[in-house]
Amino acid sequence: MAALGKATITCPGCSEPLDLTMRLDPGAKAGPGEIVLKVDRSIVDEHLAVAHRDPADS
């Protein structure tokens, strides 16, 4: 399914920017005229799997 939106957030631990992708959530209950987006967290999960360094060390 194609991405409907993108957003960039900053990791509060190391200040690295993370690009999030949002897609339609086909299983969500939406009212008339509403859509529900689901954030693909895989980039966040991958980022958190590695050790964070202190931003002062960079």
N, C-alpha and C. Protein backbone atom coordinates (compact mmCIF):
# COMPACT_ATOMS: atom_id res chain seq x y z
N MET A 1 0.85 -1.18 0.00
CA MET A 1 0.00 0.00 0.00
C MET A 1 0.89 1.24 0.00
N ALA A 2 0.52 2.22 -0.76
CA ALA A 2 1.31 3.44 -0.89
C ALA A 2 1.23 4.27 0.39
N ALA A 3 2.31 4.99 0.66
CA ALA A 3 2.34 5.88 1.81
C ALA A 3 1.42 7.06 1.57
N LEU A 4 0.68 7.46 2.60
CA LEU A 4 -0.20 8.62 2.50
C LEU A 4 0.40 9.85 3.14
N GLY A 5 1.40 9.65 3.97
CA GLY A 5 2.02 10.78 4.64
C GLY A 5 3.37 10.40 5.19
N LYS A 6 4.17 11.40 5.40
CA LYS A 6 5.48 11.21 6.02
C LYS A 6 5.67 12.31 7.04
N ALA A 7 6.40 11.99 8.09
CA ALA A 7 6.71 12.96 9.13
C ALA A 7 8.11 12.66 9.64
N THR A 8 8.82 13.67 10.04
CA THR A 8 10.14 13.48 10.63
C THR A 8 10.07 13.87 12.09
N ILE A 9 10.51 12.97 12.95
CA ILE A 9 10.59 13.25 14.38
C ILE A 9 12.05 13.17 14.79
N THR A 10 12.36 13.69 15.95
CA THR A 10 13.72 13.65 16.47
C THR A 10 13.76 12.77 17.71
N CYS A 11 14.71 11.85 17.73
CA CYS A 11 14.87 10.97 18.89
C CYS A 11 15.27 11.84 20.09
N PRO A 12 14.54 11.75 21.20
CA PRO A 12 14.90 12.56 22.36
C PRO A 12 16.19 12.10 23.03
N GLY A 13 16.62 10.87 22.75
CA GLY A 13 17.83 10.35 23.39
C GLY A 13 19.11 10.77 22.70
N CYS A 14 19.09 10.83 21.34
CA CYS A 14 20.33 11.11 20.62
C CYS A 14 20.19 12.22 19.58
N SER A 15 19.01 12.77 19.44
CA SER A 15 18.72 13.87 18.51
C SER A 15 18.83 13.49 17.04
N GLU A 16 18.81 12.21 16.74
CA GLU A 16 18.85 11.77 15.34
C GLU A 16 17.45 11.89 14.74
N PRO A 17 17.33 12.44 13.53
CA PRO A 17 16.02 12.52 12.90
C PRO A 17 15.57 11.15 12.39
N LEU A 18 14.28 10.85 12.58
CA LEU A 18 13.70 9.59 12.13
C LEU A 18 12.53 9.91 11.21
N ASP A 19 12.53 9.34 10.01
CA ASP A 19 11.46 9.56 9.05
C ASP A 19 10.40 8.49 9.21
N LEU A 20 9.20 8.90 9.57
CA LEU A 20 8.08 7.97 9.75
C LEU A 20 7.20 7.98 8.51
N THR A 21 6.63 6.83 8.21
CA THR A 21 5.70 6.69 7.09
C THR A 21 4.33 6.33 7.64
N MET A 22 3.29 6.96 7.10
CA MET A 22 1.92 6.67 7.53
C MET A 22 1.13 6.10 6.36
N ARG A 23 0.34 5.07 6.67
CA ARG A 23 -0.48 4.40 5.66
C ARG A 23 -1.90 4.27 6.21
N LEU A 24 -2.85 4.01 5.33
CA LEU A 24 -4.22 3.75 5.78
C LEU A 24 -4.25 2.52 6.68
N ASP A 25 -5.05 2.58 7.71
CA ASP A 25 -5.22 1.43 8.59
C ASP A 25 -6.54 0.77 8.22
N PRO A 26 -6.49 -0.32 7.44
CA PRO A 26 -7.73 -0.93 6.95
C PRO A 26 -8.57 -1.56 8.07
N GLY A 27 -7.98 -1.86 9.21
CA GLY A 27 -8.73 -2.50 10.28
C GLY A 27 -9.35 -1.52 11.27
N ALA A 28 -9.08 -0.23 11.10
CA ALA A 28 -9.59 0.75 12.05
C ALA A 28 -11.05 1.10 11.74
N LYS A 29 -11.77 1.47 12.78
CA LYS A 29 -13.15 1.91 12.61
C LYS A 29 -13.15 3.43 12.48
N ALA A 30 -13.57 3.90 11.33
CA ALA A 30 -13.62 5.33 11.08
C ALA A 30 -15.06 5.74 10.81
N GLY A 31 -15.37 6.94 11.22
CA GLY A 31 -16.70 7.48 10.97
C GLY A 31 -16.82 7.99 9.55
N PRO A 32 -17.98 8.47 9.19
CA PRO A 32 -18.20 9.00 7.85
C PRO A 32 -17.23 10.14 7.53
N GLY A 33 -16.56 10.03 6.42
CA GLY A 33 -15.63 11.07 5.99
C GLY A 33 -14.30 11.05 6.72
N GLU A 34 -14.05 10.07 7.57
CA GLU A 34 -12.80 9.99 8.32
C GLU A 34 -11.91 8.89 7.76
N ILE A 35 -10.62 9.09 7.89
CA ILE A 35 -9.66 8.04 7.59
C ILE A 35 -8.76 7.88 8.82
N VAL A 36 -8.22 6.70 9.00
CA VAL A 36 -7.31 6.44 10.12
C VAL A 36 -5.98 6.02 9.53
N LEU A 37 -4.94 6.72 9.96
CA LEU A 37 -3.59 6.40 9.50
C LEU A 37 -2.86 5.61 10.57
N LYS A 38 -2.03 4.69 10.12
CA LYS A 38 -1.21 3.89 11.01
C LYS A 38 0.24 4.22 10.72
N VAL A 39 1.01 4.49 11.77
CA VAL A 39 2.43 4.82 11.60
C VAL A 39 3.24 3.53 11.51
N ASP A 40 4.08 3.45 10.51
CA ASP A 40 5.00 2.32 10.37
C ASP A 40 6.15 2.55 11.36
N ARG A 41 6.17 1.76 12.44
CA ARG A 41 7.14 1.94 13.51
C ARG A 41 8.45 1.20 13.28
N SER A 42 8.62 0.55 12.15
CA SER A 42 9.82 -0.27 11.95
C SER A 42 11.10 0.56 12.07
N ILE A 43 11.10 1.79 11.57
CA ILE A 43 12.31 2.62 11.66
C ILE A 43 12.61 2.96 13.12
N VAL A 44 11.56 3.17 13.92
CA VAL A 44 11.75 3.47 15.35
C VAL A 44 12.28 2.23 16.06
N ASP A 45 11.69 1.08 15.77
CA ASP A 45 12.14 -0.17 16.40
C ASP A 45 13.61 -0.46 16.06
N GLU A 46 14.00 -0.25 14.81
CA GLU A 46 15.39 -0.46 14.40
C GLU A 46 16.31 0.52 15.12
N HIS A 47 15.88 1.76 15.22
CA HIS A 47 16.69 2.78 15.87
C HIS A 47 16.91 2.46 17.35
N LEU A 48 15.83 2.04 18.01
CA LEU A 48 15.93 1.75 19.45
C LEU A 48 16.68 0.45 19.74
N ALA A 49 16.88 -0.39 18.73
CA ALA A 49 17.59 -1.65 18.92
C ALA A 49 19.09 -1.45 19.10
N VAL A 50 19.61 -0.30 18.67
CA VAL A 50 21.04 -0.02 18.81
C VAL A 50 21.25 0.90 19.99
N ALA A 51 22.44 0.84 20.56
CA ALA A 51 22.75 1.68 21.72
C ALA A 51 22.75 3.16 21.33
N HIS A 52 22.22 3.99 22.20
CA HIS A 52 22.21 5.43 21.96
C HIS A 52 23.48 6.04 22.55
N ARG A 53 23.97 7.05 21.87
CA ARG A 53 25.11 7.77 22.41
C ARG A 53 24.63 9.10 22.95
N ASP A 54 25.37 9.65 23.87
CA ASP A 54 25.02 10.95 24.44
C ASP A 54 25.27 12.02 23.38
N PRO A 55 24.29 12.91 23.11
CA PRO A 55 24.49 13.95 22.10
C PRO A 55 25.71 14.82 22.39
N ALA A 56 26.11 14.93 23.64
CA ALA A 56 27.30 15.74 23.99
C ALA A 56 28.58 15.10 23.48
N ASP A 57 28.54 13.78 23.21
CA ASP A 57 29.74 13.07 22.73
C ASP A 57 29.96 13.25 21.25
N SER A 58 28.98 13.77 20.51
CA SER A 58 29.13 13.87 19.05
C SER A 58 29.78 15.17 18.64
